[in-house]
N, C-alpha and C. Protein backbone atom coordinates (compact mmCIF):
# COMPACT_ATOMS: atom_id res chain seq x y z
N UNK A 1 104.81 111.53 133.26
CA UNK A 1 105.86 111.96 132.33
C UNK A 1 105.24 112.63 131.12
N UNK A 2 105.66 113.86 130.74
CA UNK A 2 105.02 114.55 129.62
C UNK A 2 105.31 113.85 128.32
N UNK A 3 104.35 113.95 127.36
CA UNK A 3 104.52 113.35 126.05
C UNK A 3 105.38 114.21 125.17
N UNK A 4 105.70 113.70 123.97
CA UNK A 4 106.55 114.41 123.03
C UNK A 4 105.91 115.72 122.62
N UNK A 5 104.58 115.70 122.34
CA UNK A 5 103.89 116.91 121.91
C UNK A 5 103.97 117.97 123.00
N UNK A 6 103.78 117.53 124.25
CA UNK A 6 103.81 118.47 125.37
C UNK A 6 105.19 119.09 125.52
N UNK A 7 106.26 118.28 125.36
CA UNK A 7 107.62 118.79 125.47
C UNK A 7 107.88 119.82 124.38
N UNK A 8 107.43 119.51 123.15
CA UNK A 8 107.62 120.44 122.04
C UNK A 8 106.91 121.75 122.27
N UNK A 9 105.67 121.67 122.78
CA UNK A 9 104.90 122.89 123.04
C UNK A 9 105.55 123.71 124.14
N UNK A 10 106.07 123.03 125.18
CA UNK A 10 106.73 123.75 126.27
C UNK A 10 107.99 124.45 125.79
N UNK A 11 108.72 123.79 124.85
CA UNK A 11 109.93 124.39 124.30
C UNK A 11 109.61 125.65 123.52
N UNK A 12 108.56 125.58 122.69
CA UNK A 12 108.15 126.75 121.91
C UNK A 12 107.74 127.88 122.83
N UNK A 13 106.94 127.57 123.87
CA UNK A 13 106.50 128.59 124.81
C UNK A 13 107.68 129.22 125.52
N UNK A 14 108.66 128.38 125.91
CA UNK A 14 109.85 128.89 126.60
C UNK A 14 110.64 129.82 125.69
N UNK A 15 110.79 129.45 124.41
CA UNK A 15 111.53 130.29 123.47
C UNK A 15 110.83 131.62 123.27
N UNK A 16 109.50 131.61 123.15
CA UNK A 16 108.76 132.85 122.96
C UNK A 16 108.87 133.74 124.20
N UNK A 17 108.81 133.12 125.38
CA UNK A 17 108.95 133.88 126.62
C UNK A 17 110.32 134.54 126.70
N UNK A 18 111.37 133.79 126.32
CA UNK A 18 112.72 134.35 126.34
C UNK A 18 112.85 135.49 125.34
N UNK A 19 112.21 135.33 124.15
CA UNK A 19 112.27 136.38 123.14
C UNK A 19 111.59 137.64 123.63
N UNK A 20 110.43 137.49 124.27
CA UNK A 20 109.69 138.64 124.78
C UNK A 20 110.48 139.34 125.88
N UNK A 21 111.06 138.57 126.81
CA UNK A 21 111.85 139.15 127.88
C UNK A 21 113.08 139.85 127.34
N UNK A 22 113.75 139.20 126.38
CA UNK A 22 114.94 139.79 125.78
C UNK A 22 114.63 141.09 125.06
N UNK A 23 113.49 141.12 124.36
CA UNK A 23 113.09 142.33 123.65
C UNK A 23 112.85 143.47 124.64
N UNK A 24 112.17 143.19 125.73
CA UNK A 24 111.89 144.22 126.74
C UNK A 24 113.19 144.76 127.34
N UNK A 25 114.14 143.86 127.65
CA UNK A 25 115.43 144.29 128.22
C UNK A 25 116.19 145.15 127.22
N UNK A 26 116.22 144.71 125.96
CA UNK A 26 116.93 145.47 124.94
C UNK A 26 116.30 146.83 124.70
N UNK A 27 114.98 146.89 124.77
CA UNK A 27 114.30 148.17 124.56
C UNK A 27 114.62 149.14 125.70
N UNK A 28 114.66 148.62 126.93
CA UNK A 28 115.03 149.47 128.07
C UNK A 28 116.46 149.99 127.91
N UNK A 29 117.35 149.13 127.46
CA UNK A 29 118.74 149.55 127.23
C UNK A 29 118.81 150.61 126.15
N UNK A 30 118.03 150.39 125.08
CA UNK A 30 118.01 151.35 123.98
C UNK A 30 117.54 152.73 124.47
N UNK A 31 116.49 152.76 125.27
CA UNK A 31 115.98 154.03 125.77
C UNK A 31 117.01 154.72 126.67
N UNK A 32 117.72 153.93 127.47
CA UNK A 32 118.75 154.50 128.35
C UNK A 32 119.86 155.13 127.52
N UNK A 33 120.34 154.39 126.51
CA UNK A 33 121.40 154.92 125.65
C UNK A 33 120.93 156.14 124.88
N UNK A 34 119.65 156.10 124.42
CA UNK A 34 119.10 157.23 123.68
C UNK A 34 119.06 158.48 124.56
N UNK A 35 118.63 158.28 125.80
CA UNK A 35 118.57 159.42 126.72
C UNK A 35 119.96 160.00 126.97
N UNK A 36 120.94 159.12 127.20
CA UNK A 36 122.31 159.59 127.43
C UNK A 36 122.87 160.30 126.20
N UNK A 37 122.56 159.77 125.04
CA UNK A 37 123.07 160.37 123.82
C UNK A 37 122.48 161.77 123.60
N UNK A 38 121.17 161.91 123.88
CA UNK A 38 120.53 163.22 123.72
C UNK A 38 121.08 164.23 124.72
N UNK A 39 121.39 163.76 125.94
CA UNK A 39 121.91 164.66 126.97
C UNK A 39 123.33 165.13 126.67
N UNK A 40 124.09 164.28 125.97
CA UNK A 40 125.51 164.58 125.76
C UNK A 40 125.85 164.92 124.31
N UNK A 41 124.86 165.15 123.49
CA UNK A 41 125.15 165.47 122.09
C UNK A 41 125.68 166.90 121.97
N UNK A 42 126.35 167.14 120.88
CA UNK A 42 126.89 168.46 120.58
C UNK A 42 125.75 169.35 120.12
N UNK A 43 125.45 170.43 120.83
CA UNK A 43 124.34 171.31 120.41
C UNK A 43 124.53 171.88 119.02
N UNK A 44 125.81 172.03 118.59
CA UNK A 44 126.06 172.59 117.26
C UNK A 44 125.95 171.52 116.17
N UNK A 45 125.98 170.23 116.56
CA UNK A 45 125.87 169.14 115.58
C UNK A 45 125.00 168.02 116.17
N UNK A 46 123.72 168.28 116.30
CA UNK A 46 122.84 167.29 116.94
C UNK A 46 122.70 166.02 116.11
N UNK A 47 122.41 164.92 116.79
CA UNK A 47 122.23 163.63 116.13
C UNK A 47 120.96 163.68 115.28
N UNK A 48 121.02 163.09 114.10
CA UNK A 48 119.88 163.05 113.20
C UNK A 48 118.74 162.26 113.84
N UNK A 49 117.60 162.90 114.03
CA UNK A 49 116.46 162.25 114.66
C UNK A 49 115.91 161.08 113.83
N UNK A 50 116.21 161.09 112.53
CA UNK A 50 115.74 160.00 111.66
C UNK A 50 116.30 158.66 112.11
N UNK A 51 117.53 158.66 112.61
CA UNK A 51 118.15 157.41 113.09
C UNK A 51 117.37 156.84 114.26
N UNK A 52 116.93 157.73 115.17
CA UNK A 52 116.17 157.25 116.31
C UNK A 52 114.83 156.65 115.87
N UNK A 53 114.18 157.33 114.93
CA UNK A 53 112.90 156.83 114.43
C UNK A 53 113.08 155.47 113.77
N UNK A 54 114.15 155.33 112.97
CA UNK A 54 114.41 154.06 112.29
C UNK A 54 114.58 152.92 113.29
N UNK A 55 115.35 153.17 114.35
CA UNK A 55 115.58 152.14 115.36
C UNK A 55 114.30 151.79 116.12
N UNK A 56 113.48 152.79 116.39
CA UNK A 56 112.21 152.52 117.05
C UNK A 56 111.30 151.67 116.17
N UNK A 57 111.31 151.94 114.88
CA UNK A 57 110.51 151.15 113.94
C UNK A 57 111.00 149.71 113.92
N UNK A 58 112.31 149.50 113.97
CA UNK A 58 112.87 148.15 113.98
C UNK A 58 112.43 147.39 115.24
N UNK A 59 112.48 148.07 116.39
CA UNK A 59 112.02 147.43 117.62
C UNK A 59 110.54 147.07 117.53
N UNK A 60 109.75 147.95 116.97
CA UNK A 60 108.31 147.68 116.81
C UNK A 60 108.07 146.50 115.90
N UNK A 61 108.87 146.39 114.84
CA UNK A 61 108.72 145.28 113.90
C UNK A 61 109.01 143.94 114.57
N UNK A 62 110.07 143.90 115.37
CA UNK A 62 110.42 142.66 116.09
C UNK A 62 109.32 142.30 117.08
N UNK A 63 108.78 143.30 117.75
CA UNK A 63 107.71 143.05 118.72
C UNK A 63 106.48 142.44 118.03
N UNK A 64 106.15 142.95 116.84
CA UNK A 64 105.01 142.43 116.10
C UNK A 64 105.26 140.98 115.66
N UNK A 65 106.48 140.67 115.25
CA UNK A 65 106.81 139.30 114.85
C UNK A 65 106.65 138.32 116.02
N UNK A 66 107.09 138.75 117.20
CA UNK A 66 106.94 137.88 118.38
C UNK A 66 105.47 137.67 118.69
N UNK A 67 104.67 138.73 118.56
CA UNK A 67 103.22 138.59 118.80
C UNK A 67 102.60 137.63 117.79
N UNK A 68 103.03 137.70 116.54
CA UNK A 68 102.52 136.77 115.52
C UNK A 68 102.90 135.33 115.86
N UNK A 69 104.14 135.13 116.34
CA UNK A 69 104.56 133.78 116.73
C UNK A 69 103.73 133.25 117.89
N UNK A 70 103.37 134.14 118.82
CA UNK A 70 102.53 133.71 119.95
C UNK A 70 101.15 133.29 119.46
N UNK A 71 100.60 134.07 118.51
CA UNK A 71 99.30 133.69 117.95
C UNK A 71 99.39 132.37 117.20
N UNK A 72 100.49 132.18 116.46
CA UNK A 72 100.68 130.93 115.72
C UNK A 72 100.81 129.74 116.68
N UNK A 73 101.50 129.95 117.81
CA UNK A 73 101.63 128.88 118.81
C UNK A 73 100.26 128.47 119.33
N UNK A 74 99.40 129.46 119.57
CA UNK A 74 98.05 129.17 120.05
C UNK A 74 97.27 128.34 119.05
N UNK A 75 97.39 128.69 117.77
CA UNK A 75 96.70 127.94 116.72
C UNK A 75 97.22 126.51 116.61
N UNK A 76 98.55 126.35 116.71
CA UNK A 76 99.15 125.02 116.63
C UNK A 76 98.69 124.15 117.79
N UNK A 77 98.68 124.72 119.00
CA UNK A 77 98.24 123.95 120.16
C UNK A 77 96.77 123.56 120.04
N UNK A 78 95.93 124.48 119.54
CA UNK A 78 94.51 124.18 119.35
C UNK A 78 94.32 123.08 118.33
N UNK A 79 95.12 123.13 117.25
CA UNK A 79 95.03 122.10 116.21
C UNK A 79 95.44 120.74 116.75
N UNK A 80 96.49 120.73 117.60
CA UNK A 80 96.96 119.46 118.18
C UNK A 80 95.89 118.84 119.07
N UNK A 81 95.22 119.69 119.87
CA UNK A 81 94.16 119.19 120.74
C UNK A 81 93.01 118.64 119.92
N UNK A 82 92.64 119.35 118.85
CA UNK A 82 91.54 118.89 117.99
C UNK A 82 91.88 117.56 117.33
N UNK A 83 93.13 117.42 116.85
CA UNK A 83 93.55 116.18 116.20
C UNK A 83 93.52 115.02 117.18
N UNK A 84 93.98 115.27 118.41
CA UNK A 84 93.99 114.21 119.42
C UNK A 84 92.57 113.78 119.77
N UNK A 85 91.68 114.76 119.92
CA UNK A 85 90.29 114.44 120.24
C UNK A 85 89.63 113.65 119.11
N UNK A 86 89.89 114.06 117.88
CA UNK A 86 89.32 113.36 116.73
C UNK A 86 89.86 111.94 116.64
N UNK A 87 91.15 111.77 116.93
CA UNK A 87 91.77 110.44 116.85
C UNK A 87 91.15 109.48 117.87
N UNK A 88 90.96 109.95 119.10
CA UNK A 88 90.40 109.10 120.15
C UNK A 88 88.97 108.67 119.80
N UNK A 89 88.25 109.51 119.07
CA UNK A 89 86.87 109.18 118.72
C UNK A 89 86.77 107.98 117.78
N UNK A 90 87.90 107.58 117.16
CA UNK A 90 87.89 106.42 116.26
C UNK A 90 87.90 105.10 117.03
N UNK A 91 88.29 105.13 118.30
CA UNK A 91 88.40 103.89 119.07
C UNK A 91 87.04 103.19 119.12
N UNK A 92 87.05 101.91 118.81
CA UNK A 92 85.83 101.12 118.81
C UNK A 92 85.09 101.13 117.47
N UNK A 93 85.55 101.93 116.52
CA UNK A 93 84.90 102.01 115.21
C UNK A 93 85.51 100.98 114.24
N UNK A 94 84.67 100.51 113.33
CA UNK A 94 85.16 99.62 112.27
C UNK A 94 85.75 100.48 111.16
N UNK A 95 87.01 100.22 110.84
CA UNK A 95 87.74 101.07 109.91
C UNK A 95 88.32 100.24 108.78
N UNK A 96 88.18 100.75 107.55
CA UNK A 96 88.79 100.14 106.38
C UNK A 96 90.02 100.95 106.03
N UNK A 97 91.16 100.29 105.94
CA UNK A 97 92.43 100.97 105.69
C UNK A 97 93.08 100.46 104.42
N UNK A 98 93.70 101.36 103.69
CA UNK A 98 94.52 100.96 102.55
C UNK A 98 95.83 100.42 103.09
N UNK A 99 95.95 99.10 103.13
CA UNK A 99 97.12 98.46 103.73
C UNK A 99 97.24 97.03 103.24
N UNK A 100 98.47 96.54 103.15
CA UNK A 100 98.68 95.14 102.80
C UNK A 100 99.14 94.32 104.01
N UNK A 101 99.14 94.94 105.19
CA UNK A 101 99.53 94.25 106.41
C UNK A 101 98.32 94.11 107.32
N UNK A 102 98.07 92.89 107.77
CA UNK A 102 96.91 92.61 108.62
C UNK A 102 97.35 91.77 109.81
N UNK A 103 96.62 91.85 110.92
CA UNK A 103 96.96 91.03 112.08
C UNK A 103 96.38 89.63 111.96
N UNK A 104 97.19 88.64 112.27
CA UNK A 104 96.69 87.27 112.41
C UNK A 104 96.29 87.11 113.87
N UNK A 105 94.99 86.93 114.11
CA UNK A 105 94.48 86.80 115.46
C UNK A 105 93.57 85.58 115.55
N UNK A 106 93.87 84.74 116.56
CA UNK A 106 93.08 83.52 116.75
C UNK A 106 93.01 82.69 115.48
N UNK A 107 94.12 82.63 114.76
CA UNK A 107 94.21 81.79 113.58
C UNK A 107 93.45 82.30 112.38
N UNK A 108 93.30 83.63 112.26
CA UNK A 108 92.60 84.18 111.11
C UNK A 108 93.10 85.58 110.79
N UNK A 109 93.36 85.82 109.50
CA UNK A 109 93.73 87.15 109.01
C UNK A 109 92.96 87.38 107.72
N UNK A 110 92.50 88.62 107.54
CA UNK A 110 91.65 88.88 106.38
C UNK A 110 92.10 90.14 105.64
N UNK A 111 92.14 90.02 104.31
CA UNK A 111 92.43 91.15 103.44
C UNK A 111 91.34 91.26 102.38
N UNK A 112 91.32 92.40 101.72
CA UNK A 112 90.50 92.58 100.52
C UNK A 112 91.42 93.10 99.42
N UNK A 113 91.15 92.70 98.20
CA UNK A 113 91.94 93.23 97.08
C UNK A 113 91.00 93.44 95.89
N UNK A 114 91.37 94.38 95.05
CA UNK A 114 90.48 94.75 93.94
C UNK A 114 91.27 94.92 92.65
N UNK A 115 90.68 94.45 91.54
CA UNK A 115 91.23 94.64 90.21
C UNK A 115 90.31 95.56 89.41
N UNK A 116 90.91 96.37 88.53
CA UNK A 116 90.07 97.21 87.67
C UNK A 116 89.68 96.48 86.38
N UNK A 117 90.28 95.30 86.15
CA UNK A 117 89.91 94.48 85.01
C UNK A 117 90.24 93.03 85.33
N UNK A 118 89.70 92.11 84.54
CA UNK A 118 89.89 90.68 84.80
C UNK A 118 91.34 90.27 84.59
N UNK A 119 91.77 89.30 85.39
CA UNK A 119 93.13 88.76 85.29
C UNK A 119 93.10 87.35 84.75
N UNK A 120 94.18 86.96 84.08
CA UNK A 120 94.31 85.59 83.61
C UNK A 120 94.81 84.67 84.72
N UNK A 121 95.56 85.24 85.64
CA UNK A 121 96.07 84.45 86.76
C UNK A 121 96.44 85.35 87.92
N UNK A 122 96.21 84.86 89.14
CA UNK A 122 96.48 85.64 90.35
C UNK A 122 97.22 84.77 91.36
N UNK A 123 98.31 85.30 91.88
CA UNK A 123 99.08 84.61 92.91
C UNK A 123 99.08 85.44 94.19
N UNK A 124 98.78 84.78 95.30
CA UNK A 124 98.78 85.44 96.60
C UNK A 124 99.95 84.91 97.42
N UNK A 125 100.74 85.85 97.93
CA UNK A 125 101.90 85.51 98.75
C UNK A 125 101.79 86.23 100.08
N UNK A 126 102.02 85.51 101.17
CA UNK A 126 101.96 86.10 102.51
C UNK A 126 103.32 85.94 103.17
N UNK A 127 103.80 87.05 103.77
CA UNK A 127 105.10 87.05 104.45
C UNK A 127 104.92 87.45 105.90
N UNK A 128 105.84 86.98 106.74
CA UNK A 128 105.78 87.36 108.16
C UNK A 128 106.48 88.70 108.36
N UNK A 129 106.59 89.14 109.61
CA UNK A 129 107.16 90.46 109.91
C UNK A 129 108.64 90.56 109.55
N UNK A 130 109.31 89.41 109.39
CA UNK A 130 110.72 89.40 109.01
C UNK A 130 110.90 89.37 107.49
N UNK A 131 109.78 89.33 106.75
CA UNK A 131 109.86 89.30 105.30
C UNK A 131 109.95 87.90 104.70
N UNK A 132 109.86 86.88 105.55
CA UNK A 132 109.93 85.50 105.07
C UNK A 132 108.57 85.07 104.52
N UNK A 133 108.56 84.50 103.32
CA UNK A 133 107.33 84.01 102.72
C UNK A 133 106.87 82.76 103.46
N UNK A 134 105.63 82.79 103.96
CA UNK A 134 105.11 81.67 104.74
C UNK A 134 103.96 80.96 104.04
N UNK A 135 103.38 81.63 103.04
CA UNK A 135 102.25 81.02 102.33
C UNK A 135 102.19 81.59 100.92
N UNK A 136 101.80 80.72 99.98
CA UNK A 136 101.53 81.16 98.62
C UNK A 136 100.40 80.31 98.05
N UNK A 137 99.57 80.94 97.25
CA UNK A 137 98.43 80.23 96.65
C UNK A 137 97.84 81.07 95.53
N UNK A 138 96.74 80.62 95.00
CA UNK A 138 96.08 81.33 93.91
C UNK A 138 94.92 82.16 94.44
N UNK A 139 94.56 83.19 93.67
CA UNK A 139 93.47 84.07 94.08
C UNK A 139 92.45 84.24 92.99
N UNK A 140 91.48 85.10 93.24
CA UNK A 140 90.41 85.35 92.28
C UNK A 140 90.96 86.11 91.07
N UNK A 141 90.27 85.95 89.94
CA UNK A 141 90.72 86.60 88.71
C UNK A 141 89.71 87.60 88.15
N UNK A 142 88.49 87.59 88.64
CA UNK A 142 87.48 88.51 88.11
C UNK A 142 87.77 89.95 88.53
N UNK A 143 87.32 90.90 87.70
CA UNK A 143 87.45 92.31 88.06
C UNK A 143 86.55 92.62 89.25
N UNK A 144 86.97 93.60 90.07
CA UNK A 144 86.16 93.97 91.22
C UNK A 144 86.85 93.66 92.53
N UNK A 145 86.07 93.71 93.61
CA UNK A 145 86.58 93.54 94.97
C UNK A 145 86.46 92.09 95.41
N UNK A 146 87.52 91.57 96.03
CA UNK A 146 87.54 90.19 96.52
C UNK A 146 88.07 90.16 97.96
N UNK A 147 87.54 89.25 98.75
CA UNK A 147 88.02 89.04 100.11
C UNK A 147 88.88 87.79 100.16
N UNK A 148 89.93 87.86 100.97
CA UNK A 148 90.79 86.69 101.17
C UNK A 148 91.03 86.51 102.66
N UNK A 149 90.62 85.34 103.17
CA UNK A 149 90.82 85.01 104.58
C UNK A 149 91.85 83.90 104.69
N UNK A 150 92.87 84.14 105.48
CA UNK A 150 93.94 83.17 105.67
C UNK A 150 93.82 82.56 107.06
N UNK A 151 93.96 81.24 107.13
CA UNK A 151 93.79 80.53 108.40
C UNK A 151 95.06 80.44 109.24
N UNK A 152 96.13 81.10 108.77
CA UNK A 152 97.36 81.10 109.55
C UNK A 152 98.23 79.88 109.35
N UNK A 153 97.86 79.00 108.41
CA UNK A 153 98.66 77.81 108.14
C UNK A 153 99.66 78.12 107.03
N UNK A 154 100.91 77.70 107.23
CA UNK A 154 101.88 77.87 106.16
C UNK A 154 101.71 76.75 105.14
N UNK A 155 102.56 76.72 104.13
CA UNK A 155 102.40 75.73 103.07
C UNK A 155 102.73 74.30 103.50
N UNK A 156 103.25 74.14 104.71
CA UNK A 156 103.49 72.79 105.22
C UNK A 156 102.37 72.36 106.17
N UNK A 157 101.39 73.25 106.38
CA UNK A 157 100.29 72.92 107.27
C UNK A 157 100.53 73.29 108.72
N UNK A 158 101.62 73.98 109.01
CA UNK A 158 101.93 74.37 110.39
C UNK A 158 101.21 75.66 110.75
N UNK A 159 100.61 75.68 111.94
CA UNK A 159 99.93 76.87 112.42
C UNK A 159 100.95 77.91 112.88
N UNK A 160 100.86 79.10 112.33
CA UNK A 160 101.82 80.15 112.66
C UNK A 160 101.27 81.02 113.80
N UNK A 161 102.17 81.65 114.57
CA UNK A 161 101.73 82.45 115.72
C UNK A 161 101.04 83.74 115.28
N UNK A 162 100.22 84.28 116.17
CA UNK A 162 99.58 85.56 115.90
C UNK A 162 100.63 86.64 115.69
N UNK A 163 100.29 87.63 114.89
CA UNK A 163 101.23 88.72 114.61
C UNK A 163 100.82 89.45 113.35
N UNK A 164 101.70 90.29 112.87
CA UNK A 164 101.44 91.06 111.65
C UNK A 164 101.99 90.33 110.44
N UNK A 165 101.16 90.16 109.42
CA UNK A 165 101.56 89.48 108.19
C UNK A 165 101.18 90.35 106.98
N UNK A 166 101.99 90.26 105.95
CA UNK A 166 101.83 91.10 104.78
C UNK A 166 101.47 90.26 103.56
N UNK A 167 100.47 90.73 102.81
CA UNK A 167 100.02 90.03 101.62
C UNK A 167 100.53 90.74 100.37
N UNK A 168 100.86 89.97 99.36
CA UNK A 168 101.19 90.51 98.05
C UNK A 168 100.35 89.80 97.01
N UNK A 169 99.60 90.58 96.25
CA UNK A 169 98.73 90.03 95.21
C UNK A 169 99.34 90.36 93.86
N UNK A 170 99.74 89.32 93.13
CA UNK A 170 100.35 89.50 91.82
C UNK A 170 99.40 88.95 90.76
N UNK A 171 99.06 89.78 89.79
CA UNK A 171 98.11 89.36 88.76
C UNK A 171 98.56 89.86 87.39
N UNK A 172 98.26 89.08 86.36
CA UNK A 172 98.56 89.46 84.98
C UNK A 172 97.34 89.17 84.11
N UNK A 173 97.23 89.92 83.01
CA UNK A 173 96.13 89.66 82.08
C UNK A 173 96.56 88.65 81.02
N UNK A 174 95.75 88.45 80.01
CA UNK A 174 96.03 87.42 79.00
C UNK A 174 97.28 87.73 78.18
N UNK A 175 97.66 89.00 78.11
CA UNK A 175 98.86 89.37 77.36
C UNK A 175 100.11 89.35 78.23
N UNK A 176 99.95 89.02 79.51
CA UNK A 176 101.09 89.00 80.42
C UNK A 176 101.37 90.33 81.10
N UNK A 177 100.52 91.31 80.83
CA UNK A 177 100.71 92.63 81.45
C UNK A 177 100.26 92.59 82.91
N UNK A 178 101.04 93.24 83.76
CA UNK A 178 100.73 93.27 85.18
C UNK A 178 99.47 94.08 85.47
N UNK A 179 98.62 93.54 86.34
CA UNK A 179 97.42 94.24 86.79
C UNK A 179 97.64 94.67 88.24
N UNK A 180 97.48 95.94 88.48
CA UNK A 180 97.65 96.45 89.85
C UNK A 180 96.48 96.03 90.72
N UNK A 181 96.83 95.60 91.93
CA UNK A 181 95.80 95.19 92.90
C UNK A 181 95.85 96.13 94.09
N UNK A 182 94.71 96.71 94.43
CA UNK A 182 94.62 97.57 95.60
C UNK A 182 94.19 96.73 96.80
N UNK A 183 95.02 96.69 97.82
CA UNK A 183 94.73 95.86 98.99
C UNK A 183 94.27 96.73 100.16
N UNK A 184 93.42 96.16 101.00
CA UNK A 184 92.91 96.87 102.17
C UNK A 184 92.62 95.87 103.28
N UNK A 185 92.49 96.39 104.49
CA UNK A 185 92.12 95.56 105.63
C UNK A 185 90.98 96.24 106.37
N UNK A 186 90.22 95.46 107.10
CA UNK A 186 89.11 95.97 107.90
C UNK A 186 89.29 95.50 109.33
N UNK A 187 89.15 96.41 110.27
CA UNK A 187 89.31 96.02 111.67
C UNK A 187 88.74 97.07 112.61
N UNK A 188 88.71 96.72 113.88
CA UNK A 188 88.22 97.61 114.93
C UNK A 188 89.40 98.38 115.51
N UNK A 189 89.29 99.69 115.57
CA UNK A 189 90.35 100.51 116.16
C UNK A 189 90.39 100.26 117.67
N UNK A 190 91.55 99.82 118.15
CA UNK A 190 91.69 99.47 119.56
C UNK A 190 92.41 100.55 120.37
N UNK A 191 93.02 101.52 119.69
CA UNK A 191 93.73 102.57 120.41
C UNK A 191 94.31 103.59 119.45
N UNK A 192 94.96 104.59 120.03
CA UNK A 192 95.60 105.65 119.26
C UNK A 192 97.02 105.83 119.79
N UNK A 193 97.97 105.97 118.87
CA UNK A 193 99.37 106.14 119.24
C UNK A 193 99.81 107.56 118.90
N UNK A 194 100.35 108.29 119.92
CA UNK A 194 100.82 109.66 119.71
C UNK A 194 102.34 109.75 119.74
N UNK A 195 103.03 108.62 119.67
CA UNK A 195 104.47 108.58 119.93
C UNK A 195 105.30 109.37 118.93
N UNK A 196 104.89 109.43 117.67
CA UNK A 196 105.74 110.05 116.65
C UNK A 196 105.30 111.47 116.28
N UNK A 197 104.62 112.13 117.18
CA UNK A 197 104.28 113.53 116.95
C UNK A 197 102.93 113.75 116.30
N UNK A 198 102.35 112.74 115.68
CA UNK A 198 101.02 112.87 115.11
C UNK A 198 100.25 111.58 115.39
N UNK A 199 98.94 111.68 115.57
CA UNK A 199 98.17 110.49 115.95
C UNK A 199 98.19 109.42 114.87
N UNK A 200 98.21 108.17 115.29
CA UNK A 200 98.10 107.03 114.40
C UNK A 200 97.14 106.02 115.03
N UNK A 201 96.35 105.36 114.20
CA UNK A 201 95.38 104.39 114.69
C UNK A 201 96.05 103.05 114.96
N UNK A 202 95.57 102.36 115.97
CA UNK A 202 96.06 101.02 116.30
C UNK A 202 94.94 100.02 116.11
N UNK A 203 95.21 99.02 115.28
CA UNK A 203 94.29 97.89 115.11
C UNK A 203 95.03 96.66 115.61
N UNK A 204 94.90 96.39 116.88
CA UNK A 204 95.72 95.34 117.47
C UNK A 204 97.17 95.78 117.45
N UNK A 205 98.03 95.00 116.79
CA UNK A 205 99.44 95.36 116.69
C UNK A 205 99.78 96.03 115.36
N UNK A 206 98.77 96.52 114.66
CA UNK A 206 98.96 97.22 113.40
C UNK A 206 98.82 98.72 113.65
N UNK A 207 99.82 99.48 113.22
CA UNK A 207 99.80 100.94 113.35
C UNK A 207 99.50 101.54 111.98
N UNK A 208 98.48 102.39 111.89
CA UNK A 208 98.04 102.91 110.61
C UNK A 208 97.94 104.42 110.63
N UNK A 209 98.34 105.05 109.53
CA UNK A 209 98.24 106.50 109.41
C UNK A 209 96.82 106.90 109.05
N UNK A 210 96.46 108.12 109.40
CA UNK A 210 95.14 108.64 109.03
C UNK A 210 94.99 108.74 107.52
N UNK A 211 96.11 108.90 106.82
CA UNK A 211 96.06 108.99 105.36
C UNK A 211 95.62 107.68 104.73
N UNK A 212 95.70 106.57 105.49
CA UNK A 212 95.34 105.25 104.94
C UNK A 212 93.86 104.93 105.12
N UNK A 213 93.11 105.78 105.82
CA UNK A 213 91.70 105.50 106.10
C UNK A 213 90.88 105.60 104.82
N UNK A 214 90.12 104.55 104.53
CA UNK A 214 89.21 104.54 103.39
C UNK A 214 87.77 104.77 103.82
N UNK A 215 87.39 104.21 104.97
CA UNK A 215 86.05 104.42 105.50
C UNK A 215 86.03 104.07 106.97
N UNK A 216 85.03 104.64 107.66
CA UNK A 216 84.83 104.38 109.10
C UNK A 216 83.35 104.17 109.33
N UNK A 217 83.04 103.13 110.09
CA UNK A 217 81.64 102.82 110.37
C UNK A 217 81.45 102.51 111.85
N UNK A 218 80.28 102.80 112.35
CA UNK A 218 79.92 102.44 113.70
C UNK A 218 79.70 100.94 113.75
N UNK A 219 80.22 100.28 114.78
CA UNK A 219 80.03 98.84 114.91
C UNK A 219 78.59 98.53 115.26
N UNK A 220 78.00 97.60 114.55
CA UNK A 220 76.61 97.19 114.80
C UNK A 220 76.60 96.21 115.96
N UNK A 221 76.04 96.63 117.07
CA UNK A 221 76.03 95.79 118.28
C UNK A 221 74.75 94.99 118.42
N UNK A 222 73.84 95.15 117.48
CA UNK A 222 72.56 94.43 117.60
C UNK A 222 72.73 92.98 117.21
């Protein structure tokens, strides 16, 4: 079954083919009418040749536009192939993404968060995919990058199932002013999703845009 990108490309190609065929048919009709008009014109009041030249120029202009569209289609298809090839090359690589959603796998989920200045207090809240808060606790207050690993236990000590969970880091300074926290996750790219027209990375059950990539590293197998 063809993918969405393939269907879109086939539609564009079909439209261009129809435009080219239609232009050729119309041009043949124009030449036929032109010939008939020249044969049957009044010798004492001939048709202004400027009109014929103008119409020929218009046909030429349309033909050039169709040719430009064909060239553009070729560039778009080449770009799509390049993007797909580049996306697949990420599979198996360790990737850091700007994201607050991480997969809980085998009873462990890990995030990183960073402050640009020290905080007086930090609260960490974790929610499940339905938006329900399942865990809350305190976090680091020093400026800089911090790692937070969650064992998948809610505040009652119950082990929660694997899945996607979202972290929220709330911090304030000594004056009560909010400090922004930049959150990220690190994981191995397990696949690429082309379903929505552009490639997206898959880290388990997490779907990430290329715009969220912060860094990519080769996995050390030694």
